[in-house]
N, C-alpha and C. Protein backbone atom coordinates (compact mmCIF):
# COMPACT_ATOMS: atom_id res chain seq x y z
N MET A 1 89.61 101.25 233.14
CA MET A 1 88.56 100.75 232.22
C MET A 1 88.12 101.95 231.28
N VAL A 2 88.23 101.76 230.07
CA VAL A 2 87.75 102.76 229.14
C VAL A 2 86.38 102.36 228.62
N ILE A 3 85.50 103.26 228.69
CA ILE A 3 84.10 102.94 228.07
C ILE A 3 84.16 102.97 226.60
N THR A 4 84.13 101.95 225.94
CA THR A 4 84.09 101.89 224.51
C THR A 4 83.15 100.82 224.09
N GLY A 5 83.05 100.56 222.78
CA GLY A 5 82.19 99.53 222.26
C GLY A 5 80.74 99.88 222.55
N ARG A 6 80.02 98.77 223.04
CA ARG A 6 78.53 98.95 223.25
C ARG A 6 78.19 100.00 224.32
N PRO A 7 78.85 100.15 225.40
CA PRO A 7 78.41 101.08 226.34
C PRO A 7 78.44 102.48 225.74
N ALA A 8 79.64 102.77 224.94
CA ALA A 8 79.76 104.28 224.49
C ALA A 8 78.72 104.49 223.31
N VAL A 9 78.51 103.37 222.59
CA VAL A 9 77.47 103.53 221.46
C VAL A 9 76.08 103.75 222.08
N ALA A 10 75.81 102.98 223.21
CA ALA A 10 74.43 103.10 223.83
C ALA A 10 74.26 104.51 224.31
N ILE A 11 75.33 105.04 224.89
CA ILE A 11 75.16 106.44 225.44
C ILE A 11 74.93 107.36 224.18
N ALA A 12 75.56 107.21 223.22
CA ALA A 12 75.42 108.09 222.09
C ALA A 12 74.00 107.87 221.39
N VAL A 13 73.56 106.67 221.35
CA VAL A 13 72.17 106.38 220.97
C VAL A 13 71.11 107.11 221.72
N VAL A 14 71.11 106.94 223.01
CA VAL A 14 70.12 107.50 223.97
C VAL A 14 70.25 109.08 223.90
N VAL A 15 71.37 109.70 223.83
CA VAL A 15 71.51 111.13 223.71
C VAL A 15 70.90 111.51 222.34
N ASP A 16 71.17 110.80 221.31
CA ASP A 16 70.56 111.20 219.99
C ASP A 16 69.03 111.09 220.09
N ILE A 17 68.60 110.05 220.63
CA ILE A 17 67.10 110.07 220.82
C ILE A 17 66.61 111.14 221.63
N ALA A 18 67.21 111.53 222.76
CA ALA A 18 66.74 112.58 223.54
C ALA A 18 66.74 113.89 222.77
N LEU A 19 67.61 114.06 221.95
CA LEU A 19 67.93 115.30 221.07
C LEU A 19 66.85 115.30 219.93
N HIS A 20 66.38 114.24 219.48
CA HIS A 20 65.52 114.21 218.31
C HIS A 20 64.13 113.74 218.38
N ALA A 21 63.68 113.30 219.75
CA ALA A 21 62.42 112.73 219.91
C ALA A 21 61.32 113.70 220.30
N ALA A 22 61.56 114.92 220.34
CA ALA A 22 60.62 115.93 220.64
C ALA A 22 59.43 115.87 219.67
N ARG A 23 59.59 115.51 218.44
CA ARG A 23 58.59 115.47 217.38
C ARG A 23 57.98 114.14 217.31
N GLY A 24 58.33 113.18 218.20
CA GLY A 24 57.74 111.79 218.14
C GLY A 24 58.83 110.79 218.22
N SER A 25 58.57 109.69 217.73
CA SER A 25 59.55 108.56 217.72
C SER A 25 60.68 108.80 216.73
N VAL A 26 61.81 108.27 217.02
CA VAL A 26 63.02 108.36 216.20
C VAL A 26 63.28 106.99 215.60
N ALA A 27 63.29 106.94 214.25
CA ALA A 27 63.63 105.69 213.51
C ALA A 27 65.06 105.22 213.66
N ALA A 28 65.20 104.04 213.78
CA ALA A 28 66.57 103.36 213.93
C ALA A 28 67.47 103.78 212.74
N SER A 29 66.91 103.90 211.69
CA SER A 29 67.69 104.21 210.39
C SER A 29 68.22 105.67 210.50
N ASP A 30 67.44 106.50 211.18
CA ASP A 30 67.94 107.87 211.29
C ASP A 30 69.00 108.01 212.29
N ILE A 31 68.86 107.31 213.41
CA ILE A 31 69.97 107.19 214.45
C ILE A 31 71.23 106.70 213.82
N ALA A 32 71.07 105.59 213.04
CA ALA A 32 72.32 104.96 212.39
C ALA A 32 72.92 106.01 211.54
N ASP A 33 72.13 106.70 210.81
CA ASP A 33 72.68 107.67 209.86
C ASP A 33 73.38 108.85 210.52
N ARG A 34 72.86 109.38 211.55
CA ARG A 34 73.43 110.37 212.31
C ARG A 34 74.81 109.84 213.06
N LEU A 35 74.82 108.62 213.54
CA LEU A 35 75.91 108.09 214.22
C LEU A 35 76.98 107.47 213.20
N GLY A 36 76.56 107.42 211.93
CA GLY A 36 77.50 106.92 210.84
C GLY A 36 77.81 105.36 211.15
N MET A 37 76.79 104.63 211.56
CA MET A 37 76.93 103.19 211.59
C MET A 37 75.84 102.45 210.94
N PRO A 38 76.02 101.14 210.68
CA PRO A 38 74.93 100.35 210.04
C PRO A 38 73.78 100.07 211.11
N ARG A 39 72.66 100.07 210.53
CA ARG A 39 71.35 99.97 211.36
C ARG A 39 71.52 98.57 212.10
N ARG A 40 71.88 97.46 211.37
CA ARG A 40 72.01 96.13 211.98
C ARG A 40 72.69 96.22 213.33
N SER A 41 73.84 97.08 213.43
CA SER A 41 74.61 97.09 214.63
C SER A 41 73.98 97.72 215.82
N LEU A 42 72.84 98.54 215.49
CA LEU A 42 72.18 99.21 216.55
C LEU A 42 71.14 98.35 217.23
N GLU A 43 70.60 97.39 216.51
CA GLU A 43 69.53 96.56 217.10
C GLU A 43 69.89 95.96 218.34
N PRO A 44 71.09 95.23 218.52
CA PRO A 44 71.50 94.63 219.71
C PRO A 44 71.64 95.65 220.96
N ILE A 45 71.68 97.02 220.53
CA ILE A 45 71.83 98.05 221.63
C ILE A 45 70.45 98.54 222.02
N LEU A 46 69.68 98.65 220.97
CA LEU A 46 68.24 99.26 221.19
C LEU A 46 67.42 98.23 222.04
N GLN A 47 67.58 96.98 221.72
CA GLN A 47 66.75 95.97 222.51
C GLN A 47 66.91 95.99 223.92
N PRO A 48 68.14 95.91 224.50
CA PRO A 48 68.14 96.00 226.03
C PRO A 48 67.77 97.31 226.62
N LEU A 49 67.97 98.32 225.82
CA LEU A 49 67.52 99.71 226.29
C LEU A 49 66.03 99.74 226.42
N SER A 50 65.37 99.08 225.45
CA SER A 50 63.80 99.05 225.54
C SER A 50 63.45 98.11 226.72
N ARG A 51 64.01 96.94 226.74
CA ARG A 51 63.73 95.99 227.90
C ARG A 51 63.80 96.55 229.23
N THR A 52 64.81 97.49 229.40
CA THR A 52 65.07 98.04 230.77
C THR A 52 64.37 99.49 231.02
N ALA A 53 63.45 99.71 230.15
CA ALA A 53 62.57 100.90 230.20
C ALA A 53 63.41 102.12 230.31
N ILE A 54 64.44 102.17 229.47
CA ILE A 54 65.20 103.46 229.17
C ILE A 54 64.53 104.09 227.94
N LEU A 55 64.14 103.15 226.97
CA LEU A 55 63.59 103.56 225.73
C LEU A 55 62.17 102.91 225.58
N ALA A 56 61.30 103.46 224.86
CA ALA A 56 59.99 102.88 224.60
C ALA A 56 59.96 102.88 223.07
N SER A 57 59.46 101.73 222.48
CA SER A 57 59.56 101.56 220.98
C SER A 57 58.04 101.48 220.52
N THR A 58 57.90 101.87 219.33
CA THR A 58 56.56 101.92 218.48
C THR A 58 56.90 101.15 217.28
N ARG A 59 56.07 100.18 217.00
CA ARG A 59 56.18 99.54 215.74
C ARG A 59 55.44 100.17 214.57
N GLY A 60 55.82 99.78 213.34
CA GLY A 60 55.02 100.31 212.21
C GLY A 60 55.77 101.27 211.41
N PRO A 61 55.06 101.80 210.35
CA PRO A 61 55.83 102.68 209.45
C PRO A 61 56.22 104.06 210.13
N LYS A 62 55.52 104.52 211.08
CA LYS A 62 55.89 105.71 211.82
C LYS A 62 56.46 105.41 213.16
N GLY A 63 56.91 104.19 213.25
CA GLY A 63 57.50 103.67 214.52
C GLY A 63 58.94 104.13 214.77
N GLY A 64 59.41 103.85 215.90
CA GLY A 64 60.84 104.19 216.33
C GLY A 64 60.90 104.15 217.76
N TYR A 65 61.90 104.92 218.28
CA TYR A 65 62.27 104.92 219.69
C TYR A 65 62.05 106.36 220.24
N ARG A 66 61.63 106.38 221.54
CA ARG A 66 61.66 107.61 222.28
C ARG A 66 62.00 107.28 223.73
N LEU A 67 62.23 108.23 224.57
CA LEU A 67 62.57 108.01 225.92
C LEU A 67 61.48 107.55 226.62
N ALA A 68 61.57 106.51 227.53
CA ALA A 68 60.48 105.95 228.35
C ALA A 68 60.34 106.78 229.68
N ARG A 69 61.31 107.48 230.05
CA ARG A 69 61.19 108.29 231.23
C ARG A 69 61.88 109.69 231.02
N PRO A 70 61.69 110.65 231.90
CA PRO A 70 62.26 112.12 231.62
C PRO A 70 63.79 111.91 231.69
N ARG A 71 64.51 112.83 230.93
CA ARG A 71 65.90 112.95 230.89
C ARG A 71 66.64 112.84 232.30
N ARG A 72 65.99 113.63 233.11
CA ARG A 72 66.59 113.78 234.54
C ARG A 72 66.58 112.41 235.31
N GLN A 73 65.71 111.45 234.85
CA GLN A 73 65.57 110.21 235.69
C GLN A 73 66.38 109.11 235.01
N ILE A 74 67.24 109.38 234.08
CA ILE A 74 68.07 108.37 233.40
C ILE A 74 69.54 108.74 233.58
N SER A 75 70.29 107.90 234.16
CA SER A 75 71.74 108.18 234.37
C SER A 75 72.58 107.52 233.33
N ALA A 76 73.71 107.92 233.15
CA ALA A 76 74.61 107.18 232.13
C ALA A 76 74.82 105.86 232.63
N ALA A 77 74.87 105.56 233.95
CA ALA A 77 75.14 104.15 234.54
C ALA A 77 73.90 103.33 234.10
N ASP A 78 72.80 103.88 234.13
CA ASP A 78 71.50 103.17 233.71
C ASP A 78 71.80 102.56 232.33
N ILE A 79 72.17 103.42 231.52
CA ILE A 79 72.43 103.02 230.12
C ILE A 79 73.45 102.00 229.80
N VAL A 80 74.60 102.19 230.63
CA VAL A 80 75.70 101.27 230.50
C VAL A 80 75.40 99.92 231.14
N ARG A 81 74.69 100.00 232.27
CA ARG A 81 74.25 98.70 232.83
C ARG A 81 73.21 97.80 231.91
N ALA A 82 72.41 98.55 231.26
CA ALA A 82 71.46 97.94 230.39
C ALA A 82 72.11 97.18 229.26
N VAL A 83 73.11 97.58 228.71
CA VAL A 83 73.75 97.00 227.59
C VAL A 83 74.86 95.99 227.99
N LEU A 84 75.41 96.21 229.15
CA LEU A 84 76.51 95.31 229.61
C LEU A 84 75.75 93.93 230.33
N GLU A 85 74.66 94.17 230.75
CA GLU A 85 73.95 92.94 231.30
C GLU A 85 73.55 91.95 230.29
N GLU A 86 73.52 92.41 228.95
CA GLU A 86 73.12 91.51 227.95
C GLU A 86 74.39 90.75 227.33
N GLN A 87 75.56 91.19 227.73
CA GLN A 87 76.77 90.52 227.29
C GLN A 87 77.07 89.34 228.21
N PRO A 88 77.39 88.17 227.57
CA PRO A 88 77.72 86.93 228.36
C PRO A 88 79.14 87.21 229.04
N ILE A 89 79.24 86.60 230.24
CA ILE A 89 80.45 86.74 230.92
C ILE A 89 81.60 85.98 230.31
N GLU A 90 82.68 86.43 229.98
CA GLU A 90 83.75 85.82 229.33
C GLU A 90 84.55 84.96 230.33
N ALA A 91 84.94 83.89 229.86
CA ALA A 91 85.84 83.15 230.67
C ALA A 91 87.20 83.77 230.90
N ALA A 92 87.83 83.41 231.93
CA ALA A 92 89.08 84.07 232.28
C ALA A 92 90.22 83.63 231.19
N GLY A 93 91.00 84.57 230.76
CA GLY A 93 92.01 84.39 229.78
C GLY A 93 93.29 83.73 230.51
N GLU A 94 94.23 83.52 229.62
CA GLU A 94 95.38 82.90 230.07
C GLU A 94 96.12 83.68 231.13
N GLY A 95 96.37 83.08 232.26
CA GLY A 95 97.15 83.84 233.31
C GLY A 95 96.28 84.63 234.13
N GLU A 96 94.85 84.57 233.94
CA GLU A 96 93.96 85.36 234.74
C GLU A 96 93.35 84.66 235.88
N SER A 97 93.96 83.50 236.25
CA SER A 97 93.39 82.76 237.33
C SER A 97 94.44 82.52 238.44
N GLY A 98 95.64 82.94 238.23
CA GLY A 98 96.64 82.73 239.28
C GLY A 98 96.44 83.52 240.49
N PRO A 99 97.31 83.35 241.50
CA PRO A 99 97.13 84.04 242.75
C PRO A 99 97.35 85.56 242.65
N LEU A 100 98.37 85.92 241.80
CA LEU A 100 98.54 87.44 241.58
C LEU A 100 97.46 88.04 241.02
N PHE A 101 96.80 87.46 240.06
CA PHE A 101 95.57 87.98 239.43
C PHE A 101 94.41 88.04 240.42
N THR A 102 94.24 87.01 241.22
CA THR A 102 93.12 86.91 242.11
C THR A 102 93.22 87.98 243.23
N ALA A 103 94.47 87.96 243.75
CA ALA A 103 94.67 88.82 245.00
C ALA A 103 95.00 90.29 244.63
N VAL A 104 95.52 90.54 243.41
CA VAL A 104 95.98 92.08 243.17
C VAL A 104 95.16 92.66 242.09
N VAL A 105 95.16 92.02 240.91
CA VAL A 105 94.58 92.59 239.67
C VAL A 105 93.02 92.61 239.76
N ALA A 106 92.39 91.51 240.05
CA ALA A 106 90.97 91.52 240.07
C ALA A 106 90.43 92.44 241.15
N PRO A 107 90.90 92.64 242.27
CA PRO A 107 90.35 93.65 243.32
C PRO A 107 90.52 95.03 242.79
N LEU A 108 91.75 95.25 242.09
CA LEU A 108 91.90 96.52 241.44
C LEU A 108 90.90 96.92 240.43
N TRP A 109 90.71 95.91 239.48
CA TRP A 109 89.70 96.10 238.52
C TRP A 109 88.36 96.34 239.02
N ALA A 110 87.96 95.61 240.13
CA ALA A 110 86.59 95.81 240.69
C ALA A 110 86.52 97.16 241.18
N GLU A 111 87.54 97.66 241.89
CA GLU A 111 87.57 99.05 242.47
C GLU A 111 87.45 100.06 241.37
N MET A 112 88.18 99.84 240.27
CA MET A 112 88.11 100.83 239.22
C MET A 112 86.73 100.90 238.51
N ARG A 113 86.11 99.66 238.48
CA ARG A 113 84.80 99.56 237.86
C ARG A 113 83.72 100.25 238.74
N ALA A 114 83.90 100.15 239.99
CA ALA A 114 82.98 100.81 240.96
C ALA A 114 83.12 102.34 240.80
N GLN A 115 84.34 102.82 240.63
CA GLN A 115 84.51 104.18 240.50
C GLN A 115 83.95 104.68 239.19
N VAL A 116 84.10 103.97 238.12
CA VAL A 116 83.49 104.34 236.75
C VAL A 116 82.04 104.46 237.02
N ILE A 117 81.44 103.48 237.54
CA ILE A 117 79.92 103.36 237.66
C ILE A 117 79.48 104.57 238.65
N ALA A 118 80.16 104.89 239.61
CA ALA A 118 79.80 105.93 240.50
C ALA A 118 79.93 107.22 239.70
N THR A 119 80.78 107.46 238.94
CA THR A 119 80.94 108.59 238.09
C THR A 119 79.72 108.74 237.10
N LEU A 120 79.38 107.61 236.38
CA LEU A 120 78.42 107.52 235.53
C LEU A 120 76.97 107.73 236.25
N GLU A 121 76.81 107.47 237.45
CA GLU A 121 75.72 107.69 238.19
C GLU A 121 75.36 109.18 238.38
N ARG A 122 76.40 109.81 238.46
CA ARG A 122 76.30 111.26 238.75
C ARG A 122 76.01 112.06 237.52
N HIS A 123 75.94 111.51 236.32
CA HIS A 123 75.76 112.13 234.99
C HIS A 123 74.41 111.69 234.48
N THR A 124 73.40 112.60 234.44
CA THR A 124 72.06 112.27 233.95
C THR A 124 72.03 112.53 232.43
N LEU A 125 71.09 111.94 231.84
CA LEU A 125 70.81 112.09 230.35
C LEU A 125 70.66 113.54 230.11
N ASP A 126 69.98 114.35 230.97
CA ASP A 126 69.69 115.76 230.79
C ASP A 126 71.00 116.39 230.76
N MET A 127 71.98 116.11 231.64
CA MET A 127 73.34 116.66 231.57
C MET A 127 74.04 116.49 230.27
N LEU A 128 73.91 115.29 229.82
CA LEU A 128 74.60 114.86 228.51
C LEU A 128 74.01 115.69 227.42
N VAL A 129 72.65 115.73 227.42
CA VAL A 129 71.92 116.59 226.40
C VAL A 129 72.40 117.98 226.33
N ARG A 130 72.52 118.65 227.55
CA ARG A 130 73.03 120.02 227.76
C ARG A 130 74.36 120.10 227.23
N ARG A 131 75.30 119.11 227.41
CA ARG A 131 76.61 119.10 227.03
C ARG A 131 76.73 119.11 225.50
N ALA A 132 75.82 118.34 224.89
CA ALA A 132 75.66 118.31 223.38
C ALA A 132 75.26 119.57 222.86
N VAL A 133 74.37 120.24 223.49
CA VAL A 133 73.88 121.60 223.05
C VAL A 133 74.99 122.55 223.25
N ALA A 134 75.73 122.58 224.37
CA ALA A 134 76.85 123.52 224.54
C ALA A 134 77.92 123.29 223.54
N ALA A 135 78.12 122.12 223.07
CA ALA A 135 79.10 121.79 222.01
C ALA A 135 78.69 122.05 220.64
N GLY A 136 77.37 122.50 220.54
CA GLY A 136 76.91 122.90 219.20
C GLY A 136 76.40 121.83 218.45
N VAL A 137 76.19 120.65 219.02
CA VAL A 137 75.77 119.46 218.29
C VAL A 137 74.27 119.62 217.85
N ALA A 138 73.51 120.13 218.75
CA ALA A 138 72.01 120.31 218.53
C ALA A 138 71.50 121.52 219.37
N ARG A 139 70.24 121.70 219.16
CA ARG A 139 69.49 122.71 219.91
C ARG A 139 68.93 121.96 221.01
N LEU A 140 68.64 122.69 222.22
CA LEU A 140 67.97 121.95 223.31
C LEU A 140 66.67 121.61 223.05
N PRO A 141 66.29 120.27 223.10
CA PRO A 141 64.94 119.84 222.77
C PRO A 141 64.03 120.16 223.94
N ALA A 142 62.68 120.21 223.67
CA ALA A 142 61.77 120.43 224.78
C ALA A 142 61.65 119.00 225.44
N GLU A 143 61.44 118.99 226.72
CA GLU A 143 61.13 117.78 227.35
C GLU A 143 59.74 117.27 227.00
N PRO A 144 59.68 115.99 226.49
CA PRO A 144 58.35 115.50 226.05
C PRO A 144 57.54 115.43 227.32
N ILE A 145 56.21 115.56 227.17
CA ILE A 145 55.20 115.31 228.26
C ILE A 145 54.85 113.90 228.27
N LEU A 146 55.09 113.23 229.41
CA LEU A 146 54.69 111.88 229.60
C LEU A 146 53.47 111.66 230.39
N PHE A 147 52.42 111.16 229.86
CA PHE A 147 51.11 110.97 230.61
C PHE A 147 51.16 109.58 231.13
N GLN A 148 50.80 109.47 232.39
CA GLN A 148 50.59 108.30 233.05
C GLN A 148 49.31 108.23 233.84
N ILE A 149 48.59 107.08 233.77
CA ILE A 149 47.32 107.07 234.51
C ILE A 149 47.43 105.89 235.50
């Protein structure tokens, strides 16, 4: 299973926000510009990330997105699960309901998915941000101070 599409874009979006939110909220249009994609395609990714408390959003002219939790408390698996839970379950395709598929292929796929999720659990957003800094993508941002009463 290769992480592509929505999960890959979601990870890039959250890393981008972590890199640029030290000065406040990050506008969706700025994220889209940096990632080279249309803003409309980001909305279906930003919404579930906000609903699952990975991101916090602010409305208005100076609105945008920021992390809802510290970088160390967000795993790559949290991000992937947030966007995958929003996708409807697809019906089995042709040939995907026979005994060979049920007894051999489906269990293999489930095992592989569990291994991918386990790997994603071990990678925090903080680790991904540090990887981006090491690659020269950006400077290390200060961890925003979150006040809770």
